[in-house]
Protein backbone atom coordinates (compact mmCIF):
# COMPACT_ATOMS: atom_id res chain seq x y z
CA MET A 1 120.21 63.08 87.14
CA LEU A 2 121.94 66.24 88.28
CA ASP A 3 125.69 66.08 88.79
CA PRO A 4 126.20 66.36 92.58
CA ASN A 5 129.78 67.51 92.16
CA SER A 6 130.12 70.94 93.80
CA ARG A 7 132.89 71.94 91.39
CA TYR A 8 130.52 71.30 88.49
CA VAL A 9 127.94 73.63 90.02
CA SER A 10 130.55 76.23 90.94
CA ARG A 11 131.73 76.37 87.33
CA LEU A 12 128.17 77.04 86.24
CA THR A 13 127.69 79.85 88.75
CA LYS A 14 130.98 81.44 87.75
CA ASP A 15 129.84 81.39 84.13
CA THR A 16 126.61 83.20 85.07
CA VAL A 17 125.60 86.85 85.30
CA ALA A 18 122.50 87.59 87.38
CA LEU A 19 120.23 90.51 86.54
CA VAL A 20 117.74 91.53 89.22
CA LEU A 21 114.65 93.36 87.99
CA ALA A 22 114.05 95.93 90.72
CA GLY A 23 112.28 98.78 88.94
CA GLY A 24 108.68 98.01 89.85
CA ARG A 25 106.36 100.25 91.79
CA GLY A 26 104.19 97.62 93.45
CA SER A 27 100.96 99.56 92.95
CA ARG A 28 98.88 97.04 94.92
CA LEU A 29 100.78 98.15 98.02
CA HIS A 30 99.15 101.56 97.58
CA GLU A 31 100.60 104.33 99.78
CA LEU A 32 103.31 102.04 101.14
CA THR A 33 105.17 102.41 97.83
CA ASP A 34 104.33 106.06 97.13
CA TRP A 35 107.94 107.06 97.79
CA ARG A 36 109.89 103.84 97.29
CA ALA A 37 110.18 100.98 94.84
CA LYS A 38 108.74 97.71 96.07
CA PRO A 39 112.16 95.98 96.33
CA ALA A 40 113.25 98.73 98.75
CA LEU A 41 110.42 97.96 101.15
CA HIS A 42 111.47 96.87 104.63
CA PHE A 43 110.77 93.28 105.63
CA GLY A 44 111.39 90.94 108.54
CA GLY A 45 112.60 93.41 111.16
CA LYS A 46 115.90 94.49 109.61
CA HIS A 47 115.97 93.54 105.92
CA ARG A 48 114.66 94.95 102.66
CA ILE A 49 113.00 92.79 100.01
CA ILE A 50 115.92 93.25 97.59
CA ASP A 51 118.22 91.55 100.12
CA PHE A 52 116.64 88.17 99.44
CA PRO A 53 117.54 87.73 95.74
CA LEU A 54 120.92 89.39 96.32
CA SER A 55 121.69 87.08 99.26
CA ASN A 56 120.57 84.09 97.21
CA CYS A 57 123.04 85.10 94.51
CA VAL A 58 125.96 85.47 96.88
CA ASN A 59 125.15 82.31 98.82
CA SER A 60 124.82 80.41 95.51
CA GLY A 61 128.26 81.53 94.35
CA ILE A 62 126.98 83.99 91.74
CA ARG A 63 129.11 87.07 92.26
CA ARG A 64 128.38 89.09 89.12
CA VAL A 65 125.07 90.83 89.70
CA GLY A 66 123.35 93.80 88.08
CA VAL A 67 120.34 95.47 89.71
CA LEU A 68 118.01 97.19 87.23
CA THR A 69 116.24 100.16 88.83
CA GLN A 70 113.65 102.65 87.65
CA TYR A 71 110.68 103.72 89.82
CA LYS A 72 111.55 106.06 92.73
CA ALA A 73 114.83 104.25 93.29
CA HIS A 74 116.64 106.61 95.67
CA SER A 75 116.22 104.56 98.86
CA LEU A 76 116.89 101.34 96.94
CA ILE A 77 120.10 102.68 95.40
CA ARG A 78 121.22 104.08 98.75
CA HIS A 79 120.66 100.71 100.41
CA ILE A 80 122.58 98.83 97.71
CA MET A 81 125.46 101.29 97.86
CA ARG A 82 125.71 101.01 101.64
CA GLY A 83 125.19 97.28 101.97
CA TRP A 84 126.30 95.68 98.71
CA SER A 85 129.13 97.77 97.27
CA HIS A 86 132.03 95.99 99.01
CA PHE A 87 132.64 93.45 96.24
CA LYS A 88 135.83 93.86 94.18
CA LYS A 89 135.55 93.91 90.40
CA GLU A 90 139.23 92.91 90.20
CA LEU A 91 138.25 89.57 91.74
CA GLY A 92 135.43 89.02 89.27
CA GLU A 93 132.66 90.03 91.64
CA TYR A 94 130.32 92.98 91.86
CA VAL A 95 126.81 94.17 92.60
CA GLU A 96 126.22 97.05 90.19
CA ILE A 97 123.23 99.33 89.72
CA LEU A 98 121.84 99.54 86.18
CA PRO A 99 119.35 102.42 86.19
CA ALA A 100 117.03 103.16 83.31
CA SER A 101 119.19 105.54 81.29
CA GLN A 102 117.85 105.38 77.73
CA ARG A 103 121.00 103.62 76.55
CA SER A 104 119.52 102.17 73.36
CA SER A 105 116.32 104.15 72.83
CA PRO A 106 114.62 107.38 73.96
CA ASN A 107 112.39 105.32 76.26
CA TRP A 108 112.71 104.25 79.87
CA TYR A 109 112.34 100.52 80.55
CA GLN A 110 109.14 99.50 78.80
CA GLY A 111 108.87 96.00 80.30
CA THR A 112 110.95 93.24 81.85
CA ALA A 113 112.38 92.10 78.52
CA ASP A 114 113.12 95.65 77.40
CA ALA A 115 114.98 96.31 80.64
CA ILE A 116 117.41 93.50 79.80
CA PHE A 117 117.56 94.51 76.12
CA GLN A 118 118.65 98.04 77.01
CA ASN A 119 121.65 96.57 78.85
CA LEU A 120 122.78 94.05 76.21
CA ASP A 121 126.12 95.76 75.68
CA ILE A 122 126.93 95.50 79.39
CA ILE A 123 126.06 91.79 79.43
CA GLN A 124 128.12 91.20 76.28
CA ASP A 125 131.18 92.75 77.92
CA GLU A 126 130.93 90.15 80.71
CA ALA A 127 130.67 87.26 78.19
CA PRO A 128 128.73 84.86 80.42
CA LYS A 129 127.51 81.46 79.23
CA TYR A 130 124.25 81.88 81.14
CA VAL A 131 122.09 84.78 82.22
CA LEU A 132 119.93 84.47 85.31
CA VAL A 133 117.04 86.95 85.30
CA LEU A 134 115.51 87.46 88.75
CA SER A 135 112.52 89.25 90.14
CA GLY A 136 113.62 91.69 92.83
CA ASP A 137 110.45 91.70 94.91
CA HIS A 138 109.83 88.21 96.33
CA ILE A 139 110.74 86.63 99.67
CA TYR A 140 112.45 83.23 99.54
CA GLN A 141 115.75 81.40 100.03
CA MET A 142 116.95 79.54 96.95
CA ASP A 143 120.17 77.95 95.72
CA TYR A 144 120.43 79.17 92.13
CA GLY A 145 123.19 76.64 91.46
CA THR A 146 120.56 73.89 91.44
CA ILE A 147 118.39 75.52 88.77
CA LEU A 148 121.50 76.25 86.68
CA ALA A 149 122.53 72.59 86.85
CA HIS A 150 118.99 71.52 85.94
CA HIS A 151 118.99 73.94 83.01
CA VAL A 152 122.24 72.58 81.60
CA GLU A 153 121.38 68.91 82.19
CA SER A 154 117.98 69.30 80.50
CA GLY A 155 119.49 70.91 77.41
CA ALA A 156 116.97 73.76 77.60
CA ASP A 157 117.24 77.09 75.85
CA MET A 158 115.36 78.74 78.71
CA THR A 159 114.32 77.50 82.15
CA VAL A 160 111.50 79.04 84.18
CA SER A 161 111.55 78.69 87.94
CA CYS A 162 108.08 77.67 89.10
CA ILE A 163 106.31 76.95 92.35
CA GLU A 164 103.24 74.83 92.97
CA VAL A 165 100.40 76.96 94.35
CA PRO A 166 96.67 76.33 94.96
CA LEU A 167 94.48 77.10 91.95
CA GLU A 168 92.44 79.74 93.79
CA GLU A 169 95.62 81.53 94.89
CA ALA A 170 97.04 81.63 91.36
CA ALA A 171 93.84 82.70 89.57
CA GLY A 172 94.26 86.21 88.20
CA ALA A 173 97.50 86.68 90.12
CA PHE A 174 100.36 84.70 88.52
CA GLY A 175 101.59 83.57 85.15
CA VAL A 176 101.03 79.80 85.05
CA MET A 177 102.59 76.93 83.11
CA THR A 178 101.17 73.90 81.41
CA VAL A 179 103.86 71.19 81.19
CA ASN A 180 104.19 67.74 79.70
CA ASP A 181 105.34 64.67 81.63
CA ASN A 182 108.97 65.77 81.25
CA ASN A 183 108.36 69.28 82.70
CA ARG A 184 108.76 70.88 79.32
CA ILE A 185 106.52 73.95 79.05
CA ILE A 186 103.90 73.58 76.32
CA ARG A 187 101.72 76.54 77.26
CA PHE A 188 102.02 79.77 79.25
CA ASP A 189 99.09 81.89 80.43
CA GLU A 190 99.52 85.31 82.02
CA LYS A 191 97.29 85.61 85.11
CA PRO A 192 94.41 83.41 83.86
CA ASP A 193 91.10 83.28 85.71
CA GLU A 194 91.16 79.47 85.44
CA PRO A 195 94.74 78.18 85.79
CA THR A 196 95.74 74.79 84.41
CA GLU A 197 95.63 72.07 87.06
CA LEU A 198 98.66 69.82 87.55
CA ASN A 199 98.07 66.15 86.76
CA ASP A 200 100.46 65.05 89.52
CA HIS A 201 99.25 67.56 92.13
CA PRO A 202 95.47 68.02 92.00
CA GLY A 203 94.16 71.39 93.12
CA HIS A 204 97.45 73.09 92.27
CA THR A 205 99.08 74.79 89.31
CA LEU A 206 102.62 75.80 88.35
CA ALA A 207 103.10 79.52 88.87
CA SER A 208 106.06 81.45 87.53
CA MET A 209 108.36 82.90 90.18
CA GLY A 210 109.63 85.49 87.70
CA ASN A 211 113.08 83.84 87.67
CA TYR A 212 114.58 82.64 84.38
CA VAL A 213 117.79 81.00 83.17
CA PHE A 214 118.86 81.61 79.56
CA ASN A 215 121.66 80.46 77.36
CA THR A 216 123.19 83.84 76.63
CA GLU A 217 123.14 83.88 72.84
CA PHE A 218 119.59 82.52 72.81
CA LEU A 219 118.52 85.35 75.12
CA PHE A 220 120.17 87.95 72.89
CA ASP A 221 118.42 86.60 69.79
CA GLN A 222 114.99 86.63 71.42
CA LEU A 223 115.42 90.11 72.88
CA ARG A 224 116.44 91.53 69.51
CA LYS A 225 113.40 89.95 67.84
CA ASP A 226 111.12 91.27 70.56
CA ALA A 227 112.59 94.77 70.38
CA ALA A 228 111.86 94.86 66.64
CA ASN A 229 108.21 93.91 67.19
CA PRO A 230 106.10 97.11 67.47
CA ASN A 231 103.14 95.11 68.83
CA SER A 232 105.03 93.65 71.77
CA GLU A 233 104.77 94.89 75.35
CA HIS A 234 108.38 93.72 75.74
CA ASP A 235 107.61 91.50 78.72
CA PHE A 236 108.98 88.01 79.41
CA GLY A 237 105.68 86.60 80.63
CA LYS A 238 103.38 88.26 78.11
CA ASN A 239 105.59 88.09 75.03
CA ILE A 240 108.91 86.24 75.17
CA ILE A 241 107.79 82.94 76.72
CA PRO A 242 104.60 82.50 74.64
CA SER A 243 106.55 83.22 71.45
CA ILE A 244 109.22 80.55 71.98
CA ILE A 245 107.56 77.54 73.62
CA GLN A 246 106.48 75.93 70.34
CA ASP A 247 109.85 75.97 68.59
CA HIS A 248 112.34 75.94 71.47
CA HIS A 249 113.02 73.93 74.60
CA VAL A 250 111.58 75.87 77.54
CA GLU A 251 111.89 73.92 80.78
CA ALA A 252 109.95 74.28 84.03
CA TYR A 253 112.03 73.95 87.20
CA ARG A 254 109.92 73.17 90.26
CA PHE A 255 111.18 74.97 93.36
CA ARG A 256 110.93 72.31 96.07
CA ASP A 257 112.41 71.64 99.47
CA PRO A 258 115.08 68.93 98.91
CA ASP A 259 114.30 67.36 102.29
CA THR A 260 110.50 67.13 101.96
CA ASP A 261 110.05 67.32 98.15
CA LYS A 262 107.23 69.80 98.81
CA ALA A 263 106.97 73.37 97.54
CA SER A 264 109.58 75.57 99.21
CA TYR A 265 108.83 78.83 100.98
CA TRP A 266 108.13 81.64 98.53
CA ARG A 267 106.01 84.74 99.07
CA ASP A 268 104.89 87.42 96.66
CA VAL A 269 104.35 90.31 99.08
CA GLY A 270 102.68 92.42 96.41
CA THR A 271 99.58 93.36 98.41
CA LEU A 272 99.13 94.92 101.82
CA ASP A 273 97.49 91.74 103.10
CA SER A 274 100.27 89.48 101.81
CA PHE A 275 102.95 91.85 103.14
CA TRP A 276 101.33 91.86 106.59
CA GLU A 277 100.81 88.08 106.56
CA ALA A 278 104.40 87.30 105.53
CA ASN A 279 105.77 89.47 108.33
CA MET A 280 103.34 87.98 110.85
CA GLU A 281 104.44 84.45 109.90
CA LEU A 282 107.89 85.29 111.23
CA VAL A 283 106.73 85.75 114.83
CA SER A 284 105.47 82.15 115.07
CA PRO A 285 107.67 79.73 117.08
CA GLU A 286 108.92 77.87 113.98
CA PRO A 287 108.29 79.93 110.83
CA GLN A 288 108.80 78.31 107.46
CA LEU A 289 111.22 81.10 106.49
CA ASN A 290 114.31 80.56 108.64
CA LEU A 291 116.10 83.86 109.08
CA TYR A 292 118.35 82.17 111.65
CA ASP A 293 119.91 79.77 109.14
CA ALA A 294 123.67 80.35 109.45
CA ASP A 295 124.27 78.32 106.28
CA TRP A 296 122.05 80.62 104.21
CA PRO A 297 122.20 84.10 105.78
CA ILE A 298 120.21 87.02 104.44
CA TRP A 299 122.72 89.82 104.17
CA THR A 300 121.72 93.46 104.53
CA TYR A 301 122.83 96.92 105.56
CA GLN A 302 121.77 98.33 108.89
CA PRO A 303 123.35 101.06 111.03
CA GLN A 304 124.88 99.91 114.29
CA GLN A 305 122.14 100.10 116.92
CA PRO A 306 122.11 99.53 120.66
CA PRO A 307 120.24 96.43 121.88
CA ALA A 308 116.47 96.58 122.24
CA LYS A 309 115.36 97.73 125.70
CA PHE A 310 112.22 97.01 127.73
CA VAL A 311 111.67 99.16 130.80
CA PHE A 312 109.20 99.62 133.69
CA GLN A 313 107.36 96.95 135.62
CA ASP A 314 104.80 98.83 137.66
CA GLY A 315 101.23 97.50 137.43
CA ASP A 316 99.69 98.53 134.10
CA ARG A 317 102.88 100.34 133.21
CA SER A 318 104.92 97.31 132.13
CA GLY A 319 107.19 97.28 129.13
CA TYR A 320 107.31 93.91 127.38
CA ALA A 321 106.99 92.07 124.06
CA VAL A 322 105.75 88.47 123.63
CA ASP A 323 105.45 86.33 120.48
CA SER A 324 107.19 89.18 118.66
CA MET A 325 110.37 90.13 116.79
CA VAL A 326 112.16 93.27 117.92
CA ALA A 327 115.06 94.92 116.10
CA GLY A 328 118.00 96.89 117.46
CA GLY A 329 117.44 100.41 118.75
CA VAL A 330 113.88 99.66 119.89
CA ILE A 331 112.69 100.95 123.27
CA VAL A 332 109.48 99.57 124.75
CA SER A 333 108.90 101.89 127.68
CA GLY A 334 105.93 100.73 129.75
CA GLY A 335 103.94 99.50 126.74
CA LYS A 336 102.62 96.05 125.81
CA VAL A 337 103.59 94.39 122.53
CA LYS A 338 102.01 91.11 121.40
CA GLN A 339 102.39 89.14 118.16
CA SER A 340 104.07 92.06 116.42
CA LEU A 341 107.18 92.94 114.48
CA LEU A 342 109.10 96.07 115.47
CA PHE A 343 111.77 97.41 113.12
CA SER A 344 114.80 99.46 114.15
CA ASN A 345 114.49 102.54 116.35
CA VAL A 346 110.80 102.06 117.14
CA LYS A 347 109.66 103.72 120.39
CA VAL A 348 106.63 102.43 122.30
CA HIS A 349 105.57 104.61 125.24
CA SER A 350 103.78 103.81 128.48
CA PHE A 351 100.29 102.30 128.62
CA SER A 352 100.17 101.75 124.85
CA GLU A 353 99.08 98.40 123.43
CA ILE A 354 100.40 96.93 120.17
CA GLU A 355 98.98 93.68 118.79
CA GLU A 356 99.39 91.87 115.45
CA THR A 357 101.10 94.91 113.99
CA VAL A 358 104.09 95.72 111.80
CA LEU A 359 105.87 98.89 112.96
CA LEU A 360 108.38 99.97 110.31
CA PRO A 361 111.59 101.86 111.23
CA GLU A 362 111.51 105.05 113.31
CA VAL A 363 107.84 104.71 114.33
CA GLU A 364 106.97 106.30 117.68
CA VAL A 365 103.82 105.30 119.55
CA HIS A 366 102.80 107.69 122.32
CA ARG A 367 101.05 106.93 125.59
CA HIS A 368 97.69 105.15 125.77
CA ALA A 369 97.61 104.43 122.02
CA LYS A 370 96.08 101.13 120.95
CA ILE A 371 96.99 99.49 117.63
CA LYS A 372 95.75 96.15 116.32
CA LYS A 373 96.31 94.33 113.01
CA ALA A 374 98.00 97.24 111.26
CA ILE A 375 100.98 98.33 109.20
CA ILE A 376 102.48 101.59 110.43
CA ASP A 377 104.84 103.09 107.87
CA GLY A 378 108.31 104.31 108.75
CA GLY A 379 108.63 107.60 110.61
CA CYS A 380 105.01 107.80 111.74
CA VAL A 381 104.34 109.36 115.13
CA ILE A 382 101.15 107.95 116.62
CA PRO A 383 99.54 110.58 118.87
CA GLU A 384 98.68 109.94 122.50
CA GLY A 385 95.47 107.98 122.91
CA MET A 386 94.93 107.21 119.21
CA VAL A 387 93.14 103.91 118.51
CA ILE A 388 93.94 102.11 115.23
CA GLY A 389 92.58 98.83 113.92
CA HIS A 390 89.87 98.34 116.55
CA ASN A 391 87.10 100.10 114.60
CA HIS A 392 87.52 100.12 110.84
CA GLU A 393 84.91 102.78 110.25
CA ASP A 394 86.86 105.12 112.51
CA ASP A 395 90.05 104.19 110.66
CA LYS A 396 88.51 105.05 107.30
CA ALA A 397 87.09 108.31 108.66
CA ARG A 398 90.64 109.37 109.59
CA GLY A 399 91.83 108.64 106.05
CA PHE A 400 93.60 105.37 106.85
CA ARG A 401 93.42 102.49 104.36
CA VAL A 402 91.69 99.26 105.44
CA THR A 403 92.23 96.13 103.33
CA LYS A 404 89.75 93.39 102.47
CA LYS A 405 91.22 91.23 105.22
CA GLY A 406 91.00 93.98 107.81
CA VAL A 407 94.59 95.25 107.91
CA THR A 408 94.86 98.99 108.53
CA LEU A 409 97.65 100.94 106.81
CA VAL A 410 98.83 104.21 108.31
CA THR A 411 101.41 106.47 106.64
CA ARG A 412 102.88 109.84 107.55
CA SER A 413 100.81 111.66 104.95
CA MET A 414 97.62 110.14 106.40
CA LEU A 415 98.64 111.63 109.75
CA ASN A 416 99.50 114.99 108.11
CA GLN A 417 103.11 114.49 109.14
CA GLY A 418 104.72 115.05 105.74
């Protein structure tokens, strides 16, 4: 039974350092991550993916956070500096950037475990009792105080945050756990074709969320052993977890909604289809992800923008948006927007039609253009009369990418715009 005392949980969070792994490319997002790391990708109208784990930390009372960066990190670092650099180290709080800098070897970060290993001296200086290792590229709202309390109460050396997902969804996509009746992990498989089915939830398996809690000294010992192993890929899922589950207590923490006791909202937006779908979910009347929750806000940085504006009501030249989310600085001037998500400073001109589409910041859609079921990358200028997403063969002939589920991706380079 977890101690409900908030002071108990607050002591745990104060004794914790969080390390956010934000160096991944996200290769399955193809051209969308050609010039940015996946955690820097825009999401939900005004946020970036990295804002979700960082907001979870702050809302949970964890105020010592390091963000480990590597792949094409300029826009990510700029965003963190602008939006997350206001914490005061003198008060025991900070969000610091820990770039790959060859601190302990001539190599860049070789894997998730190596990324933490190369920053051991920094962690040691903070002297935390617990280290919370977080993936920087998932969308969810989670109180980390609860998993910390579960970790301590269970007496575990390591706790893995897991979510129950359908077998077909997990196959070949996630690391999955096999647990005993007490939720102790007895087996870990990295992206198996046939995941282990849960006895208490048929048709589902326990997938790793990429979030881990460690007792600090235990983490240090395992990282040093792994670093000395020339055959290791230096990855938590592939190497660390499988090597310790037989001789140490590795606990599975099921991420569930406390009100319904069902799996909480969590999305891995690692493919173009999943990225599009997760954004589209937000335009429904009552999405599962509540960005309007004042008790658990998702903090971010965004320049001050004027309110969104919709102009002209003259026959076919009507500017409006329905079943959509529209950010600040947007102008819909005589165009129609349906079931779409428009990020900041998007411009939609007269007689254009936008449907089931994600328009990232600074996109401009000129007159008579028609776009359906697409992702338009930031800064794209869609020429007058261009049709996207209505005929996939035409899309492919122009050099656009079309996914298996029929989502069309358009970037500036595909339009020869830089």
